[in-house]
Structure formats: C-alpha cells, structure tokens
C-alpha cells in the first residue's frame, strides 16, 4: 500500500483546484498546459511528507512521480529531499536519490517542482563534484524546466559563498535567442540577486556591461535589493 499516495488523495480539496490551475498557468498555450490539481496547498503537502517520508519506499515514489496530479509529484519530490537530507553518511542512498531525480526530470514540470527540489538535492550533491551537468541543462536542456534547474541549483553554491557558477550560467541565459522565456528571466534575476547579497560589487560589475541588452525582467529581479539610485542607474542603462 502506498500510504503517501493515499494521504495526498485524501487531502484533496476541489474548491482549490480552479485557483491553483490558474496560478500555475495550465491553460492552452501556457507553460503548465494540461497539468491537473487535487487542490492541495503546499503546507498541507509538506505536513503529509513530514509524517510519512521515513516509511515511503522508492517504489512508492515511482508511483507518485508518475501521477497526473501536480501535488502528487510535489509530494514525491519533497519526500526525496527528506530522504536525501537524512542520508548524510550514506553515500549510496544519496546517489540513489540523485539518480531518481535525474531519471524523472520530465515529471518535474513546473517552477515550484523545480524550485523546491533542485537545490536541495542536486546542489549539495554537486558541491564537491563536476558541475558540467548544470551548464549543459542551462544551455541545452530538453525542457524549460531543465534549463531552469541549471540556474536554480546554484543556490546551494551561493549559500556556500561560491558565486562563479551563477554568473556563468546567467551568461548562458543571455546567449539564448530572444525572447528569453519569462521563467528563465525570473530565475536568472533571482539567483543574481542572491549572489549580490554575498558580493554586491561583483554583481554591479557583472551587470554594468550587460544591462543594456539584458531582458528587463531579469534585470529588475537582479537589482531588486539595490537602493533607488542604483536601481535607476541600471534600469536606465
């Protein structure tokens, strides 16, 4: 019996479905087109995962990540995060978590699924390893979501004071044909902003020669923590 799946289904709230579907852009031609919801808010899903992650098997996760329902896939990913985090001294188990993650990126198909999992799993795993995968995904990921993972996973490195990958992947984004997808602009700007919290001078130096041609949303996110005079300087450029 898959207790995680059962609990998620029991938490379904039909009154929330329409609002979540609209929020995650599931209409025709939108980035989440066709995704289905049970109507469960993230805190509810987190509480279920907190209760059940220890007893959830990889077979259970396979069933959940394959679900047509967004919240079921989220539950699988949040459970995987917990298994990975608590396997600090078990390299084999951590490797299994990473392998599972990499094998199911086609099911990680909206921005919340990316943002709540990639820098909790891939980021820590890659701290002492080659990071080419993130560059490859940022540049040539087969989906928008793999391209976003390439950037968002660098949050782990930023928190450790390692900023090089974030700036390098932002440059990859700027090399993409225009228009850069809004969700990549937001991810790029967000992570640049986070890097700037560690080294504002470096962010300003990086932006100076680029801001005239940067997508505006990406730039606006990147300078969000600057004072008004600094914001005006870069936005006017």
C-alpha atoms as a PDB file:
ATOM      1  CA  UNK A   1       0.000   0.000   0.000  1.00  0.00           C
ATOM      2  CA  UNK A   2       1.277   3.457  -0.902  1.00  0.00           C
ATOM      3  CA  UNK A   3       0.425   5.483   2.189  1.00  0.00           C
ATOM      4  CA  UNK A   4       1.875   8.701   0.776  1.00  0.00           C
ATOM      5  CA  UNK A   5      -0.351   8.493  -2.295  1.00  0.00           C
ATOM      6  CA  UNK A   6      -3.382   7.656  -0.189  1.00  0.00           C
ATOM      7  CA  UNK A   7      -2.835  10.571   2.196  1.00  0.00           C
ATOM      8  CA  UNK A   8      -2.354  13.047  -0.621  1.00  0.00           C
ATOM      9  CA  UNK A   9      -5.541  11.918  -2.305  1.00  0.00           C
ATOM     10  CA  UNK A  10      -7.444  12.164   0.983  1.00  0.00           C
ATOM     11  CA  UNK A  11      -6.299  15.790   1.345  1.00  0.00           C
ATOM     12  CA  UNK A  12      -7.821  16.806  -1.999  1.00  0.00           C
ATOM     13  CA  UNK A  13      -9.872  19.986  -1.860  1.00  0.00           C
ATOM     14  CA  UNK A  14     -11.929  20.523  -5.032  1.00  0.00           C
ATOM     15  CA  UNK A  15     -12.675  24.131  -4.066  1.00  0.00           C
ATOM     16  CA  UNK A  16      -8.970  24.970  -4.529  1.00  0.00           C
ATOM     17  CA  UNK A  17      -8.500  23.339  -7.935  1.00  0.00           C
ATOM     18  CA  UNK A  18      -9.574  26.255 -10.112  1.00  0.00           C
ATOM     19  CA  UNK A  19      -7.384  28.770  -8.306  1.00  0.00           C
ATOM     20  CA  UNK A  20      -4.293  26.550  -8.374  1.00  0.00           C
ATOM     21  CA  UNK A  21      -4.818  25.704 -12.035  1.00  0.00           C
ATOM     22  CA  UNK A  22      -4.975  29.384 -12.848  1.00  0.00           C
ATOM     23  CA  UNK A  23      -1.957  30.254 -10.669  1.00  0.00           C
ATOM     24  CA  UNK A  24       0.223  27.608 -12.291  1.00  0.00           C
ATOM     25  CA  UNK A  25      -0.822  28.601 -15.829  1.00  0.00           C
ATOM     26  CA  UNK A  26      -2.428  25.370 -17.041  1.00  0.00           C
ATOM     27  CA  UNK A  27      -4.470  26.904 -19.848  1.00  0.00           C
ATOM     28  CA  UNK A  28      -3.917  26.293 -23.579  1.00  0.00           C
ATOM     29  CA  UNK A  29      -0.517  27.564 -24.679  1.00  0.00           C
ATOM     30  CA  UNK A  30       0.615  28.347 -21.131  1.00  0.00           C
ATOM     31  CA  UNK A  31       3.703  26.823 -19.542  1.00  0.00           C
ATOM     32  CA  UNK A  32       1.714  24.431 -17.345  1.00  0.00           C
ATOM     33  CA  UNK A  33      -0.753  23.450 -20.029  1.00  0.00           C
ATOM     34  CA  UNK A  34      -2.759  20.352 -19.164  1.00  0.00           C
ATOM     35  CA  UNK A  35      -1.459  19.888 -15.610  1.00  0.00           C
ATOM     36  CA  UNK A  36      -4.078  18.634 -13.153  1.00  0.00           C
ATOM     37  CA  UNK A  37      -4.545  19.555  -9.500  1.00  0.00           C
ATOM     38  CA  UNK A  38      -6.125  17.974  -6.460  1.00  0.00           C
ATOM     39  CA  UNK A  39      -6.490  21.353  -4.750  1.00  0.00           C
ATOM     40  CA  UNK A  40      -3.850  20.935  -2.014  1.00  0.00           C
ATOM     41  CA  UNK A  41      -1.786  23.858  -0.749  1.00  0.00           C
ATOM     42  CA  UNK A  42       1.964  23.344  -0.278  1.00  0.00           C
ATOM     43  CA  UNK A  43       1.949  23.498   3.569  1.00  0.00           C
ATOM     44  CA  UNK A  44      -0.552  20.637   3.640  1.00  0.00           C
ATOM     45  CA  UNK A  45       1.636  18.565   1.327  1.00  0.00           C
ATOM     46  CA  UNK A  46       4.690  19.348   3.464  1.00  0.00           C
ATOM     47  CA  UNK A  47       2.931  18.170   6.609  1.00  0.00           C
ATOM     48  CA  UNK A  48       1.974  14.876   4.977  1.00  0.00           C
ATOM     49  CA  UNK A  49       5.543  14.369   3.779  1.00  0.00           C
ATOM     50  CA  UNK A  50       6.916  15.186   7.241  1.00  0.00           C
ATOM     51  CA  UNK A  51       4.705  12.476   8.680  1.00  0.00           C
ATOM     52  CA  UNK A  52       5.385   9.783   6.091  1.00  0.00           C
ATOM     53  CA  UNK A  53       8.800  10.213   4.453  1.00  0.00           C
ATOM     54  CA  UNK A  54      10.526   7.618   6.635  1.00  0.00           C
ATOM     55  CA  UNK A  55       8.139   4.867   5.570  1.00  0.00           C
ATOM     56  CA  UNK A  56       7.993   5.791   1.884  1.00  0.00           C
ATOM     57  CA  UNK A  57       9.870   3.494  -0.497  1.00  0.00           C
ATOM     58  CA  UNK A  58      11.385   4.300  -3.863  1.00  0.00           C
ATOM     59  CA  UNK A  59       8.645   2.170  -5.384  1.00  0.00           C
ATOM     60  CA  UNK A  60       6.101   4.464  -3.743  1.00  0.00           C
ATOM     61  CA  UNK A  61       7.975   7.456  -5.131  1.00  0.00           C
ATOM     62  CA  UNK A  62       7.890   5.953  -8.618  1.00  0.00           C
ATOM     63  CA  UNK A  63       4.123   5.751  -8.406  1.00  0.00           C
ATOM     64  CA  UNK A  64       3.754   9.292  -7.085  1.00  0.00           C
ATOM     65  CA  UNK A  65       6.160  10.987  -9.520  1.00  0.00           C
ATOM     66  CA  UNK A  66       4.298   9.345 -12.416  1.00  0.00           C
ATOM     67  CA  UNK A  67       0.971  10.785 -11.261  1.00  0.00           C
ATOM     68  CA  UNK A  68      -1.068  13.125 -13.451  1.00  0.00           C
ATOM     69  CA  UNK A  69      -1.653  15.261 -10.366  1.00  0.00           C
ATOM     70  CA  UNK A  70       0.738  18.092  -9.598  1.00  0.00           C
ATOM     71  CA  UNK A  71       0.549  17.725  -5.820  1.00  0.00           C
ATOM     72  CA  UNK A  72       1.364  14.025  -6.014  1.00  0.00           C
ATOM     73  CA  UNK A  73       4.551  14.770  -7.953  1.00  0.00           C
ATOM     74  CA  UNK A  74       5.412  17.509  -5.471  1.00  0.00           C
ATOM     75  CA  UNK A  75       4.948  15.080  -2.581  1.00  0.00           C
ATOM     76  CA  UNK A  76       7.329  12.650  -4.270  1.00  0.00           C
ATOM     77  CA  UNK A  77       9.970  15.348  -4.683  1.00  0.00           C
ATOM     78  CA  UNK A  78       9.627  16.699  -1.149  1.00  0.00           C
ATOM     79  CA  UNK A  79       9.918  13.150   0.182  1.00  0.00           C
ATOM     80  CA  UNK A  80      13.028  12.604  -1.929  1.00  0.00           C
ATOM     81  CA  UNK A  81      14.500  15.778  -0.435  1.00  0.00           C
ATOM     82  CA  UNK A  82      13.936  14.435   3.073  1.00  0.00           C
ATOM     83  CA  UNK A  83      15.474  11.054   2.261  1.00  0.00           C
ATOM     84  CA  UNK A  84      18.496  12.760   0.719  1.00  0.00           C
ATOM     85  CA  UNK A  85      18.971  15.180   3.618  1.00  0.00           C
ATOM     86  CA  UNK A  86      18.840  12.438   6.217  1.00  0.00           C
ATOM     87  CA  UNK A  87      21.281  10.207   4.324  1.00  0.00           C
ATOM     88  CA  UNK A  88      24.320  12.384   5.065  1.00  0.00           C
ATOM     89  CA  UNK A  89      26.546   9.427   5.961  1.00  0.00           C
ATOM     90  CA  UNK A  90      25.068   7.074   3.366  1.00  0.00           C
ATOM     91  CA  UNK A  91      26.614   7.999   0.027  1.00  0.00           C
ATOM     92  CA  UNK A  92      24.903   5.099  -1.714  1.00  0.00           C
ATOM     93  CA  UNK A  93      21.462   6.249  -0.622  1.00  0.00           C
ATOM     94  CA  UNK A  94      22.223   9.822  -1.635  1.00  0.00           C
ATOM     95  CA  UNK A  95      23.382   8.557  -5.017  1.00  0.00           C
ATOM     96  CA  UNK A  96      20.119   6.661  -5.383  1.00  0.00           C
ATOM     97  CA  UNK A  97      18.181   9.858  -4.649  1.00  0.00           C
ATOM     98  CA  UNK A  98      20.164  11.774  -7.259  1.00  0.00           C
ATOM     99  CA  UNK A  99      19.752   9.005  -9.822  1.00  0.00           C
ATOM    100  CA  UNK A 100      15.994   9.003  -9.191  1.00  0.00           C
ATOM    101  CA  UNK A 101      15.871  12.771  -9.612  1.00  0.00           C
ATOM    102  CA  UNK A 102      17.847  12.734 -12.862  1.00  0.00           C
ATOM    103  CA  UNK A 103      15.737   9.894 -14.251  1.00  0.00           C
ATOM    104  CA  UNK A 104      12.482  11.793 -13.727  1.00  0.00           C
ATOM    105  CA  UNK A 105      13.151  15.352 -14.852  1.00  0.00           C
ATOM    106  CA  UNK A 106      10.336  15.075 -17.385  1.00  0.00           C
ATOM    107  CA  UNK A 107       7.961  14.869 -14.395  1.00  0.00           C
ATOM    108  CA  UNK A 108       9.476  17.980 -12.765  1.00  0.00           C
ATOM    109  CA  UNK A 109       7.410  20.195 -14.989  1.00  0.00           C
ATOM    110  CA  UNK A 110       6.557  23.420 -13.240  1.00  0.00           C
ATOM    111  CA  UNK A 111       8.541  26.110 -11.472  1.00  0.00           C
ATOM    112  CA  UNK A 112       7.558  25.104  -7.925  1.00  0.00           C
ATOM    113  CA  UNK A 113       8.576  21.491  -8.540  1.00  0.00           C
ATOM    114  CA  UNK A 114      11.961  22.757  -9.742  1.00  0.00           C
ATOM    115  CA  UNK A 115      12.498  25.341  -7.040  1.00  0.00           C
ATOM    116  CA  UNK A 116      11.534  23.165  -4.074  1.00  0.00           C
ATOM    117  CA  UNK A 117      13.796  20.277  -5.045  1.00  0.00           C
ATOM    118  CA  UNK A 118      16.818  21.011  -7.216  1.00  0.00           C
ATOM    119  CA  UNK A 119      18.995  22.989  -4.827  1.00  0.00           C
ATOM    120  CA  UNK A 120      18.066  20.624  -2.007  1.00  0.00           C
ATOM    121  CA  UNK A 121      19.302  17.565  -3.928  1.00  0.00           C
ATOM    122  CA  UNK A 122      21.493  18.400  -6.922  1.00  0.00           C
ATOM    123  CA  UNK A 123      23.131  21.410  -5.302  1.00  0.00           C
ATOM    124  CA  UNK A 124      24.508  19.599  -2.240  1.00  0.00           C
ATOM    125  CA  UNK A 125      25.442  16.559  -4.316  1.00  0.00           C
ATOM    126  CA  UNK A 126      27.499  18.682  -6.684  1.00  0.00           C
ATOM    127  CA  UNK A 127      29.320  20.694  -4.036  1.00  0.00           C
ATOM    128  CA  UNK A 128      32.440  18.543  -4.402  1.00  0.00           C
ATOM    129  CA  UNK A 129      31.820  17.284  -7.955  1.00  0.00           C
ATOM    130  CA  UNK A 130      31.979  18.424 -11.552  1.00  0.00           C
ATOM    131  CA  UNK A 131      29.069  20.757 -12.333  1.00  0.00           C
ATOM    132  CA  UNK A 132      29.018  20.451 -16.109  1.00  0.00           C
ATOM    133  CA  UNK A 133      25.529  18.959 -15.971  1.00  0.00           C
ATOM    134  CA  UNK A 134      24.062  22.267 -14.792  1.00  0.00           C
ATOM    135  CA  UNK A 135      25.758  24.170 -17.611  1.00  0.00           C
ATOM    136  CA  UNK A 136      24.541  21.638 -20.165  1.00  0.00           C
ATOM    137  CA  UNK A 137      20.975  21.866 -18.897  1.00  0.00           C
ATOM    138  CA  UNK A 138      21.028  25.657 -18.743  1.00  0.00           C
ATOM    139  CA  UNK A 139      22.259  25.780 -22.330  1.00  0.00           C
ATOM    140  CA  UNK A 140      20.545  22.802 -23.978  1.00  0.00           C
ATOM    141  CA  UNK A 141      18.046  21.343 -21.516  1.00  0.00           C
ATOM    142  CA  UNK A 142      15.351  19.491 -23.411  1.00  0.00           C
ATOM    143  CA  UNK A 143      12.667  21.310 -21.437  1.00  0.00           C
ATOM    144  CA  UNK A 144      12.238  24.769 -19.980  1.00  0.00           C
ATOM    145  CA  UNK A 145      12.378  23.112 -16.582  1.00  0.00           C
ATOM    146  CA  UNK A 146      15.784  21.500 -17.074  1.00  0.00           C
ATOM    147  CA  UNK A 147      17.067  24.884 -18.210  1.00  0.00           C
ATOM    148  CA  UNK A 148      15.681  26.435 -15.022  1.00  0.00           C
ATOM    149  CA  UNK A 149      17.184  23.671 -12.847  1.00  0.00           C
ATOM    150  CA  UNK A 150      20.594  24.578 -14.272  1.00  0.00           C
ATOM    151  CA  UNK A 151      20.350  28.008 -12.670  1.00  0.00           C
ATOM    152  CA  UNK A 152      18.288  27.404  -9.535  1.00  0.00           C
ATOM    153  CA  UNK A 153      20.516  24.557  -8.332  1.00  0.00           C
ATOM    154  CA  UNK A 154      23.318  27.119  -7.900  1.00  0.00           C
ATOM    155  CA  UNK A 155      21.519  28.467  -4.816  1.00  0.00           C
ATOM    156  CA  UNK A 156      23.418  25.862  -2.788  1.00  0.00           C
ATOM    157  CA  UNK A 157      26.732  27.183  -4.073  1.00  0.00           C
ATOM    158  CA  UNK A 158      25.756  30.797  -3.383  1.00  0.00           C
ATOM    159  CA  UNK A 159      24.963  29.927   0.224  1.00  0.00           C
ATOM    160  CA  UNK A 160      28.470  28.482   0.486  1.00  0.00           C
ATOM    161  CA  UNK A 161      29.941  31.701  -0.946  1.00  0.00           C
ATOM    162  CA  UNK A 162      30.655  30.153  -4.357  1.00  0.00           C
ATOM    163  CA  UNK A 163      29.295  32.577  -6.954  1.00  0.00           C
ATOM    164  CA  UNK A 164      31.122  31.660 -10.165  1.00  0.00           C
ATOM    165  CA  UNK A 165      28.540  29.182 -11.457  1.00  0.00           C
ATOM    166  CA  UNK A 166      25.624  31.572 -11.004  1.00  0.00           C
ATOM    167  CA  UNK A 167      27.283  34.323 -13.022  1.00  0.00           C
ATOM    168  CA  UNK A 168      28.468  31.879 -15.689  1.00  0.00           C
ATOM    169  CA  UNK A 169      25.018  30.334 -16.132  1.00  0.00           C
ATOM    170  CA  UNK A 170      23.447  33.795 -16.250  1.00  0.00           C
ATOM    171  CA  UNK A 171      25.755  34.467 -19.195  1.00  0.00           C
ATOM    172  CA  UNK A 172      24.471  31.283 -20.844  1.00  0.00           C
ATOM    173  CA  UNK A 173      20.916  32.596 -20.449  1.00  0.00           C
ATOM    174  CA  UNK A 174      21.911  35.880 -22.093  1.00  0.00           C
ATOM    175  CA  UNK A 175      23.265  33.968 -25.085  1.00  0.00           C
ATOM    176  CA  UNK A 176      19.913  32.327 -25.775  1.00  0.00           C
ATOM    177  CA  UNK A 177      17.814  33.562 -28.686  1.00  0.00           C
ATOM    178  CA  UNK A 178      15.402  36.338 -27.774  1.00  0.00           C
ATOM    179  CA  UNK A 179      12.945  36.453 -26.228  1.00  0.00           C
ATOM    180  CA  UNK A 180      14.255  34.604 -23.193  1.00  0.00           C
ATOM    181  CA  UNK A 181      11.350  32.794 -21.519  1.00  0.00           C
ATOM    182  CA  UNK A 182       9.917  34.768 -18.611  1.00  0.00           C
ATOM    183  CA  UNK A 183      10.543  31.909 -16.162  1.00  0.00           C
ATOM    184  CA  UNK A 184      14.227  31.816 -17.111  1.00  0.00           C
ATOM    185  CA  UNK A 185      14.451  35.579 -16.780  1.00  0.00           C
ATOM    186  CA  UNK A 186      12.970  35.381 -13.288  1.00  0.00           C
ATOM    187  CA  UNK A 187      15.237  32.503 -12.257  1.00  0.00           C
ATOM    188  CA  UNK A 188      18.316  34.257 -13.595  1.00  0.00           C
ATOM    189  CA  UNK A 189      17.482  37.551 -11.934  1.00  0.00           C
ATOM    190  CA  UNK A 190      16.556  35.880  -8.653  1.00  0.00           C
ATOM    191  CA  UNK A 191      19.835  33.961  -8.399  1.00  0.00           C
ATOM    192  CA  UNK A 192      21.877  37.008  -9.441  1.00  0.00           C
ATOM    193  CA  UNK A 193      20.138  38.954  -6.676  1.00  0.00           C
ATOM    194  CA  UNK A 194      21.060  36.215  -4.193  1.00  0.00           C
ATOM    195  CA  UNK A 195      24.668  36.287  -5.396  1.00  0.00           C
ATOM    196  CA  UNK A 196      24.647  40.050  -4.943  1.00  0.00           C
ATOM    197  CA  UNK A 197      23.777  39.635  -1.269  1.00  0.00           C
ATOM    198  CA  UNK A 198      27.188  37.976  -0.881  1.00  0.00           C
ATOM    199  CA  UNK A 199      29.151  40.276  -3.198  1.00  0.00           C
ATOM    200  CA  UNK A 200      27.292  43.375  -4.326  1.00  0.00           C
ATOM    201  CA  UNK A 201      30.348  44.862  -6.003  1.00  0.00           C
ATOM    202  CA  UNK A 202      30.763  41.773  -8.164  1.00  0.00           C
ATOM    203  CA  UNK A 203      27.110  41.839  -9.203  1.00  0.00           C
ATOM    204  CA  UNK A 204      27.325  45.520 -10.130  1.00  0.00           C
ATOM    205  CA  UNK A 205      30.497  44.904 -12.139  1.00  0.00           C
ATOM    206  CA  UNK A 206      28.823  41.974 -13.921  1.00  0.00           C
ATOM    207  CA  UNK A 207      25.702  43.992 -14.721  1.00  0.00           C
ATOM    208  CA  UNK A 208      27.421  47.148 -15.974  1.00  0.00           C
ATOM    209  CA  UNK A 209      28.418  45.903 -19.452  1.00  0.00           C
ATOM    210  CA  UNK A 210      25.346  43.679 -19.841  1.00  0.00           C
ATOM    211  CA  UNK A 211      22.333  45.545 -18.524  1.00  0.00           C
ATOM    212  CA  UNK A 212      21.698  47.481 -21.748  1.00  0.00           C
ATOM    213  CA  UNK A 213      20.866  44.232 -23.546  1.00  0.00           C
ATOM    214  CA  UNK A 214      19.545  42.130 -20.649  1.00  0.00           C
ATOM    215  CA  UNK A 215      15.890  41.136 -20.663  1.00  0.00           C
ATOM    216  CA  UNK A 216      14.151  43.705 -18.486  1.00  0.00           C
ATOM    217  CA  UNK A 217      12.509  41.256 -16.088  1.00  0.00           C
ATOM    218  CA  UNK A 218      15.818  39.530 -15.412  1.00  0.00           C
ATOM    219  CA  UNK A 219      17.480  42.881 -14.725  1.00  0.00           C
ATOM    220  CA  UNK A 220      14.643  44.067 -12.496  1.00  0.00           C
ATOM    221  CA  UNK A 221      14.910  40.940 -10.346  1.00  0.00           C
ATOM    222  CA  UNK A 222      18.712  41.222 -10.168  1.00  0.00           C
ATOM    223  CA  UNK A 223      18.699  44.813  -8.840  1.00  0.00           C
ATOM    224  CA  UNK A 224      15.725  44.386  -6.508  1.00  0.00           C
ATOM    225  CA  UNK A 225      17.844  44.847  -3.355  1.00  0.00           C
ATOM    226  CA  UNK A 226      19.739  47.889  -4.652  1.00  0.00           C
ATOM    227  CA  UNK A 227      18.873  51.352  -3.374  1.00  0.00           C
ATOM    228  CA  UNK A 228      16.682  53.570  -5.552  1.00  0.00           C
ATOM    229  CA  UNK A 229      19.572  55.474  -7.112  1.00  0.00           C
ATOM    230  CA  UNK A 230      21.387  52.256  -8.064  1.00  0.00           C
ATOM    231  CA  UNK A 231      18.193  50.754  -9.491  1.00  0.00           C
ATOM    232  CA  UNK A 232      17.592  53.806 -11.652  1.00  0.00           C
ATOM    233  CA  UNK A 233      21.165  53.716 -12.893  1.00  0.00           C
ATOM    234  CA  UNK A 234      20.963  50.158 -14.144  1.00  0.00           C
ATOM    235  CA  UNK A 235      17.384  50.289 -15.408  1.00  0.00           C
ATOM    236  CA  UNK A 236      18.094  53.455 -17.392  1.00  0.00           C
ATOM    237  CA  UNK A 237      21.152  51.882 -18.975  1.00  0.00           C
END
